[in-house]
N, C-alpha and C. Protein backbone atom coordinates (compact mmCIF):
# COMPACT_ATOMS: atom_id res chain seq x y z
N MET A 1 -26.39 171.83 184.04
CA MET A 1 -26.97 171.98 182.72
C MET A 1 -27.42 173.43 182.57
N THR A 2 -27.12 174.03 181.42
CA THR A 2 -27.59 175.38 181.14
C THR A 2 -28.71 175.30 180.11
N ALA A 3 -29.26 176.44 179.78
CA ALA A 3 -30.36 176.48 178.82
C ALA A 3 -29.88 176.20 177.39
N THR A 4 -28.58 176.25 177.14
CA THR A 4 -28.10 176.06 175.77
C THR A 4 -27.13 174.90 175.61
N THR A 5 -26.59 174.38 176.70
CA THR A 5 -25.64 173.28 176.58
C THR A 5 -26.13 172.10 177.41
N PRO A 6 -26.50 171.01 176.74
CA PRO A 6 -26.97 169.84 177.47
C PRO A 6 -25.88 169.25 178.36
N GLN A 7 -26.31 168.59 179.43
CA GLN A 7 -25.38 167.93 180.33
C GLN A 7 -24.64 166.84 179.55
N GLY A 8 -23.34 166.84 179.66
CA GLY A 8 -22.52 165.83 178.99
C GLY A 8 -22.10 166.21 177.59
N ALA A 9 -22.53 167.36 177.09
CA ALA A 9 -22.17 167.81 175.74
C ALA A 9 -21.30 169.05 175.85
N ILE A 10 -20.58 169.34 174.79
CA ILE A 10 -19.81 170.57 174.72
C ILE A 10 -20.44 171.48 173.66
N ALA A 11 -20.21 172.76 173.78
CA ALA A 11 -20.70 173.70 172.77
C ALA A 11 -19.96 173.45 171.47
N VAL A 12 -20.69 173.38 170.38
CA VAL A 12 -20.12 173.14 169.05
C VAL A 12 -20.57 174.26 168.13
N ALA A 13 -19.64 174.88 167.43
CA ALA A 13 -19.97 175.98 166.52
C ALA A 13 -21.05 175.55 165.53
N GLY A 14 -22.07 176.37 165.41
CA GLY A 14 -23.13 176.11 164.45
C GLY A 14 -24.26 175.23 164.96
N VAL A 15 -24.07 174.57 166.10
CA VAL A 15 -25.11 173.68 166.63
C VAL A 15 -25.91 174.42 167.69
N VAL A 16 -27.22 174.36 167.54
CA VAL A 16 -28.14 174.98 168.48
C VAL A 16 -28.84 173.86 169.25
N ASN A 17 -28.96 174.02 170.56
CA ASN A 17 -29.65 173.06 171.42
C ASN A 17 -30.83 173.75 172.07
N ARG A 18 -32.01 173.14 171.96
CA ARG A 18 -33.21 173.67 172.60
C ARG A 18 -33.84 172.58 173.44
N LEU A 19 -34.23 172.94 174.65
CA LEU A 19 -34.92 171.99 175.52
C LEU A 19 -36.31 171.68 174.99
N SER A 20 -36.73 170.45 175.14
CA SER A 20 -38.10 170.07 174.82
C SER A 20 -38.85 169.92 176.14
N PRO A 21 -40.12 170.32 176.15
CA PRO A 21 -40.90 170.20 177.38
C PRO A 21 -41.44 168.78 177.62
N VAL A 22 -41.22 167.89 176.66
CA VAL A 22 -41.77 166.53 176.74
C VAL A 22 -40.68 165.50 176.41
N GLY A 23 -40.99 164.22 176.56
CA GLY A 23 -40.04 163.15 176.31
C GLY A 23 -39.67 163.01 174.83
N VAL A 24 -38.73 162.13 174.58
CA VAL A 24 -38.22 161.95 173.21
C VAL A 24 -39.34 161.55 172.25
N SER A 25 -40.14 160.55 172.59
CA SER A 25 -41.20 160.09 171.67
C SER A 25 -42.21 161.18 171.38
N GLU A 26 -42.65 161.89 172.42
CA GLU A 26 -43.63 162.97 172.22
C GLU A 26 -43.02 164.12 171.43
N THR A 27 -41.75 164.41 171.68
CA THR A 27 -41.06 165.45 170.91
C THR A 27 -41.05 165.09 169.43
N LEU A 28 -40.72 163.84 169.13
CA LEU A 28 -40.71 163.39 167.73
C LEU A 28 -42.09 163.48 167.11
N ASP A 29 -43.11 163.09 167.87
CA ASP A 29 -44.49 163.19 167.36
C ASP A 29 -44.83 164.64 167.03
N ARG A 30 -44.50 165.55 167.94
CA ARG A 30 -44.82 166.97 167.72
C ARG A 30 -44.03 167.54 166.55
N LEU A 31 -42.76 167.17 166.44
CA LEU A 31 -41.96 167.65 165.31
C LEU A 31 -42.50 167.11 163.99
N THR A 32 -42.83 165.83 163.96
CA THR A 32 -43.35 165.21 162.74
C THR A 32 -44.64 165.89 162.30
N GLU A 33 -45.51 166.18 163.27
CA GLU A 33 -46.77 166.87 162.96
C GLU A 33 -46.49 168.28 162.44
N ALA A 34 -45.56 168.98 163.07
CA ALA A 34 -45.23 170.34 162.64
C ALA A 34 -44.60 170.34 161.25
N ILE A 35 -43.76 169.36 160.97
CA ILE A 35 -43.12 169.24 159.65
C ILE A 35 -44.18 169.03 158.58
N SER A 36 -45.08 168.10 158.82
CA SER A 36 -46.15 167.84 157.84
C SER A 36 -47.04 169.07 157.67
N GLY A 37 -47.34 169.74 158.78
CA GLY A 37 -48.17 170.94 158.73
C GLY A 37 -47.53 172.07 157.96
N ALA A 38 -46.20 172.08 157.91
CA ALA A 38 -45.47 173.12 157.19
C ALA A 38 -45.29 172.77 155.72
N GLY A 39 -45.80 171.62 155.30
CA GLY A 39 -45.70 171.22 153.90
C GLY A 39 -44.39 170.54 153.54
N ALA A 40 -43.64 170.13 154.54
CA ALA A 40 -42.38 169.42 154.29
C ALA A 40 -42.61 167.92 154.47
N LYS A 41 -41.57 167.16 154.24
CA LYS A 41 -41.67 165.71 154.27
C LYS A 41 -40.62 165.13 155.21
N VAL A 42 -41.04 164.16 156.03
CA VAL A 42 -40.08 163.41 156.84
C VAL A 42 -39.50 162.34 155.94
N PHE A 43 -38.20 162.37 155.74
CA PHE A 43 -37.53 161.38 154.89
C PHE A 43 -37.12 160.15 155.67
N ALA A 44 -36.70 160.34 156.92
CA ALA A 44 -36.24 159.21 157.71
C ALA A 44 -36.21 159.56 159.19
N LEU A 45 -36.33 158.54 159.99
CA LEU A 45 -36.12 158.65 161.43
C LEU A 45 -35.13 157.54 161.77
N ILE A 46 -33.97 157.94 162.23
CA ILE A 46 -32.94 156.97 162.56
C ILE A 46 -32.90 156.81 164.08
N ASP A 47 -33.17 155.60 164.54
CA ASP A 47 -33.17 155.29 165.96
C ASP A 47 -31.75 154.88 166.35
N GLN A 48 -30.94 155.86 166.66
CA GLN A 48 -29.53 155.58 166.95
C GLN A 48 -29.36 154.77 168.22
N SER A 49 -30.17 155.04 169.24
CA SER A 49 -30.06 154.25 170.47
C SER A 49 -30.56 152.83 170.25
N GLY A 50 -31.57 152.67 169.42
CA GLY A 50 -32.08 151.33 169.09
C GLY A 50 -31.04 150.53 168.33
N GLU A 51 -30.35 151.16 167.41
CA GLU A 51 -29.29 150.47 166.66
C GLU A 51 -28.12 150.11 167.57
N ALA A 52 -27.81 151.00 168.52
CA ALA A 52 -26.75 150.69 169.48
C ALA A 52 -27.13 149.46 170.29
N LYS A 53 -28.37 149.42 170.75
CA LYS A 53 -28.85 148.28 171.54
C LYS A 53 -28.77 146.98 170.73
N ALA A 54 -29.14 147.06 169.45
CA ALA A 54 -29.08 145.88 168.58
C ALA A 54 -27.64 145.38 168.42
N ALA A 55 -26.68 146.29 168.58
CA ALA A 55 -25.26 145.92 168.47
C ALA A 55 -24.67 145.53 169.83
N GLY A 56 -25.54 145.47 170.86
CA GLY A 56 -25.08 145.10 172.19
C GLY A 56 -24.44 146.24 172.97
N LEU A 57 -24.73 147.48 172.56
CA LEU A 57 -24.17 148.66 173.20
C LEU A 57 -25.26 149.49 173.85
N SER A 58 -24.87 150.42 174.67
CA SER A 58 -25.83 151.28 175.36
C SER A 58 -25.65 152.73 174.90
N LEU A 59 -26.75 153.39 174.59
CA LEU A 59 -26.74 154.80 174.22
C LEU A 59 -28.02 155.42 174.74
N ARG A 60 -27.90 156.59 175.37
CA ARG A 60 -29.11 157.28 175.84
C ARG A 60 -30.08 157.45 174.68
N ASP A 61 -31.35 157.63 174.99
CA ASP A 61 -32.39 157.73 173.96
C ASP A 61 -32.00 158.82 172.96
N THR A 62 -31.73 158.42 171.72
CA THR A 62 -31.20 159.30 170.69
C THR A 62 -31.81 158.94 169.34
N LYS A 63 -32.50 159.92 168.74
CA LYS A 63 -33.14 159.71 167.44
C LYS A 63 -32.79 160.89 166.51
N LEU A 64 -32.55 160.59 165.24
CA LEU A 64 -32.25 161.63 164.26
C LEU A 64 -33.39 161.70 163.25
N LEU A 65 -34.03 162.87 163.19
CA LEU A 65 -35.14 163.11 162.28
C LEU A 65 -34.60 163.87 161.07
N ILE A 66 -34.81 163.32 159.88
CA ILE A 66 -34.33 163.92 158.63
C ILE A 66 -35.54 164.34 157.81
N PHE A 67 -35.58 165.61 157.43
CA PHE A 67 -36.77 166.13 156.76
C PHE A 67 -36.40 167.26 155.80
N GLY A 68 -37.35 167.59 154.96
CA GLY A 68 -37.12 168.71 154.05
C GLY A 68 -38.25 168.87 153.07
N ASN A 69 -38.01 169.77 152.14
CA ASN A 69 -38.96 170.05 151.08
C ASN A 69 -38.14 170.15 149.79
N PRO A 70 -38.25 169.14 148.91
CA PRO A 70 -37.43 169.15 147.69
C PRO A 70 -37.58 170.42 146.86
N ALA A 71 -38.77 171.03 146.85
CA ALA A 71 -38.96 172.25 146.08
C ALA A 71 -38.13 173.40 146.64
N ALA A 72 -37.88 173.38 147.95
CA ALA A 72 -37.08 174.43 148.58
C ALA A 72 -35.60 174.07 148.61
N GLY A 73 -35.30 172.80 148.83
CA GLY A 73 -33.90 172.39 148.97
C GLY A 73 -33.15 172.26 147.66
N THR A 74 -33.83 171.88 146.60
CA THR A 74 -33.16 171.67 145.32
C THR A 74 -32.47 172.93 144.81
N PRO A 75 -33.12 174.11 144.82
CA PRO A 75 -32.41 175.32 144.36
C PRO A 75 -31.15 175.62 145.18
N ILE A 76 -31.19 175.30 146.47
CA ILE A 76 -30.00 175.51 147.32
C ILE A 76 -28.88 174.60 146.84
N MET A 77 -29.20 173.32 146.60
CA MET A 77 -28.17 172.38 146.15
C MET A 77 -27.69 172.68 144.73
N GLN A 78 -28.56 173.29 143.91
CA GLN A 78 -28.13 173.70 142.57
C GLN A 78 -27.11 174.83 142.67
N ALA A 79 -27.36 175.77 143.59
CA ALA A 79 -26.46 176.93 143.75
C ALA A 79 -25.19 176.57 144.50
N ALA A 80 -25.30 175.63 145.44
CA ALA A 80 -24.15 175.24 146.27
C ALA A 80 -24.16 173.72 146.40
N PRO A 81 -23.61 173.01 145.40
CA PRO A 81 -23.71 171.55 145.36
C PRO A 81 -23.27 170.82 146.64
N LEU A 82 -22.26 171.32 147.33
CA LEU A 82 -21.80 170.62 148.53
C LEU A 82 -22.74 170.80 149.72
N SER A 83 -23.74 171.67 149.59
CA SER A 83 -24.75 171.79 150.65
C SER A 83 -25.53 170.49 150.80
N ALA A 84 -25.47 169.64 149.79
CA ALA A 84 -26.15 168.34 149.87
C ALA A 84 -25.54 167.46 150.97
N LEU A 85 -24.35 167.80 151.43
CA LEU A 85 -23.78 167.09 152.58
C LEU A 85 -24.59 167.37 153.85
N ASP A 86 -25.20 168.54 153.95
CA ASP A 86 -25.95 168.94 155.13
C ASP A 86 -27.46 168.97 154.93
N LEU A 87 -27.90 168.75 153.71
CA LEU A 87 -29.32 168.70 153.40
C LEU A 87 -29.70 167.27 153.04
N PRO A 88 -30.89 166.82 153.34
CA PRO A 88 -31.97 167.56 153.97
C PRO A 88 -31.63 167.95 155.41
N LEU A 89 -32.51 168.78 155.97
CA LEU A 89 -32.32 169.26 157.33
C LEU A 89 -32.48 168.12 158.33
N LYS A 90 -31.86 168.30 159.50
CA LYS A 90 -31.89 167.26 160.52
C LYS A 90 -32.12 167.87 161.90
N ILE A 91 -32.83 167.13 162.73
CA ILE A 91 -32.98 167.49 164.14
C ILE A 91 -32.66 166.25 164.95
N LEU A 92 -31.70 166.38 165.85
CA LEU A 92 -31.35 165.30 166.75
C LEU A 92 -32.20 165.48 168.01
N VAL A 93 -32.97 164.47 168.35
CA VAL A 93 -33.79 164.49 169.56
C VAL A 93 -33.17 163.47 170.50
N TRP A 94 -32.78 163.96 171.69
CA TRP A 94 -32.02 163.07 172.57
C TRP A 94 -32.15 163.48 174.03
N ALA A 95 -31.90 162.51 174.89
CA ALA A 95 -31.93 162.74 176.33
C ALA A 95 -30.50 162.90 176.82
N ASP A 96 -30.25 163.93 177.62
CA ASP A 96 -28.90 164.12 178.15
C ASP A 96 -28.69 163.26 179.40
N GLY A 97 -27.54 163.41 180.02
CA GLY A 97 -27.17 162.60 181.17
C GLY A 97 -28.06 162.81 182.39
N GLU A 98 -28.82 163.90 182.41
CA GLU A 98 -29.73 164.17 183.52
C GLU A 98 -31.18 163.85 183.15
N GLY A 99 -31.40 163.34 181.92
CA GLY A 99 -32.74 162.98 181.48
C GLY A 99 -33.50 164.08 180.78
N ALA A 100 -32.92 165.27 180.67
CA ALA A 100 -33.57 166.35 179.92
C ALA A 100 -33.56 166.00 178.44
N VAL A 101 -34.62 166.36 177.75
CA VAL A 101 -34.73 166.07 176.32
C VAL A 101 -34.39 167.31 175.52
N TRP A 102 -33.53 167.13 174.53
CA TRP A 102 -33.03 168.23 173.71
C TRP A 102 -33.34 168.00 172.24
N MET A 103 -33.49 169.11 171.54
CA MET A 103 -33.58 169.12 170.08
C MET A 103 -32.35 169.91 169.61
N SER A 104 -31.47 169.23 168.92
CA SER A 104 -30.23 169.87 168.46
C SER A 104 -30.22 169.89 166.94
N TYR A 105 -29.74 171.01 166.39
CA TYR A 105 -29.73 171.16 164.94
C TYR A 105 -28.65 172.15 164.54
N ILE A 106 -28.34 172.16 163.25
CA ILE A 106 -27.37 173.12 162.72
C ILE A 106 -28.11 174.41 162.37
N SER A 107 -27.59 175.53 162.84
CA SER A 107 -28.27 176.81 162.60
C SER A 107 -28.27 177.15 161.11
N SER A 108 -29.34 177.81 160.69
CA SER A 108 -29.47 178.17 159.28
C SER A 108 -28.38 179.16 158.87
N GLN A 109 -28.02 180.08 159.76
CA GLN A 109 -26.98 181.06 159.44
C GLN A 109 -25.63 180.37 159.24
N TRP A 110 -25.33 179.41 160.10
CA TRP A 110 -24.06 178.68 160.00
C TRP A 110 -24.03 177.88 158.70
N LEU A 111 -25.15 177.22 158.39
CA LEU A 111 -25.23 176.42 157.17
C LEU A 111 -25.05 177.29 155.93
N ALA A 112 -25.71 178.44 155.91
CA ALA A 112 -25.61 179.35 154.77
C ALA A 112 -24.18 179.84 154.60
N ALA A 113 -23.53 180.19 155.71
CA ALA A 113 -22.15 180.66 155.64
C ALA A 113 -21.21 179.53 155.23
N ARG A 114 -21.42 178.35 155.76
CA ARG A 114 -20.56 177.20 155.45
C ARG A 114 -20.51 176.91 153.96
N HIS A 115 -21.66 177.05 153.29
CA HIS A 115 -21.74 176.68 151.88
C HIS A 115 -21.83 177.88 150.94
N GLY A 116 -21.77 179.09 151.48
CA GLY A 116 -21.87 180.27 150.64
C GLY A 116 -23.20 180.34 149.90
N ILE A 117 -24.25 179.99 150.58
CA ILE A 117 -25.58 179.97 149.96
C ILE A 117 -26.05 181.42 149.77
N PRO A 118 -26.48 181.76 148.57
CA PRO A 118 -26.93 183.12 148.31
C PRO A 118 -28.09 183.50 149.24
N PRO A 119 -28.11 184.74 149.73
CA PRO A 119 -29.14 185.19 150.68
C PRO A 119 -30.57 184.92 150.22
N GLU A 120 -30.83 185.04 148.95
CA GLU A 120 -32.20 184.84 148.46
C GLU A 120 -32.67 183.38 148.57
N LEU A 121 -31.75 182.46 148.85
CA LEU A 121 -32.11 181.05 148.97
C LEU A 121 -32.10 180.53 150.41
N THR A 122 -31.76 181.38 151.36
CA THR A 122 -31.57 180.88 152.73
C THR A 122 -32.85 180.73 153.53
N LYS A 123 -33.94 181.34 153.13
CA LYS A 123 -35.17 181.29 153.94
C LYS A 123 -35.61 179.85 154.27
N PRO A 124 -35.60 178.91 153.33
CA PRO A 124 -36.04 177.55 153.67
C PRO A 124 -35.19 176.89 154.78
N LEU A 125 -33.95 177.32 154.92
CA LEU A 125 -33.09 176.74 155.95
C LEU A 125 -33.57 177.09 157.36
N SER A 126 -34.28 178.21 157.48
CA SER A 126 -34.75 178.64 158.80
C SER A 126 -35.95 177.84 159.28
N ALA A 127 -36.46 176.94 158.46
CA ALA A 127 -37.61 176.12 158.87
C ALA A 127 -37.28 175.32 160.13
N VAL A 128 -36.06 174.87 160.25
CA VAL A 128 -35.69 174.08 161.42
C VAL A 128 -35.86 174.88 162.70
N GLU A 129 -35.46 176.14 162.69
CA GLU A 129 -35.62 176.98 163.88
C GLU A 129 -37.09 177.17 164.24
N MET A 130 -37.92 177.39 163.23
CA MET A 130 -39.34 177.60 163.45
C MET A 130 -39.98 176.35 164.03
N LEU A 131 -39.65 175.19 163.50
CA LEU A 131 -40.24 173.93 163.97
C LEU A 131 -39.82 173.63 165.40
N VAL A 132 -38.55 173.78 165.69
CA VAL A 132 -38.04 173.51 167.04
C VAL A 132 -38.64 174.49 168.04
N SER A 133 -38.73 175.76 167.65
CA SER A 133 -39.32 176.77 168.54
C SER A 133 -40.77 176.45 168.86
N ARG A 134 -41.49 175.96 167.87
CA ARG A 134 -42.90 175.59 168.08
C ARG A 134 -43.02 174.48 169.13
N VAL A 135 -42.18 173.46 169.03
CA VAL A 135 -42.22 172.37 170.00
C VAL A 135 -41.72 172.83 171.36
N ALA A 136 -40.66 173.63 171.38
CA ALA A 136 -40.10 174.11 172.66
C ALA A 136 -41.11 174.94 173.42
N ALA A 137 -41.97 175.66 172.73
CA ALA A 137 -42.94 176.55 173.37
C ALA A 137 -44.22 175.81 173.78
N SER A 138 -44.39 174.58 173.31
CA SER A 138 -45.60 173.84 173.65
C SER A 138 -45.47 173.19 175.03
N SER A 139 -46.58 172.78 175.57
CA SER A 139 -46.52 172.11 176.87
C SER A 139 -47.39 170.88 176.90
């Protein structure tokens, strides 16, 4: 396992992986608190491993946190309607094959380039990096 590629995963263009210093549940708690503190809203938490278990399948601990700020995201979607495919922002919190916990997300630069988002509207997209960095630096 390296600092940027989780065990069992491959590098994917535009996807950033950051190690979390704590388990999946605590990581989600810290992210949720940071999101609320930043004035954004958690729209959904999808328990992908829980849904797999309900279907009789096995999946390592995997949760998808969907969040955003409509006041910031709406102008982006007005300027680049197909950006709504990638918005609101998402952070995948998951355990790799060695038990390390990762926070994976699409980089703001990649998202802006993908949808041709005007530079003056890209700042809200960087919120994901700030939130993940805050949790990654905590202990």
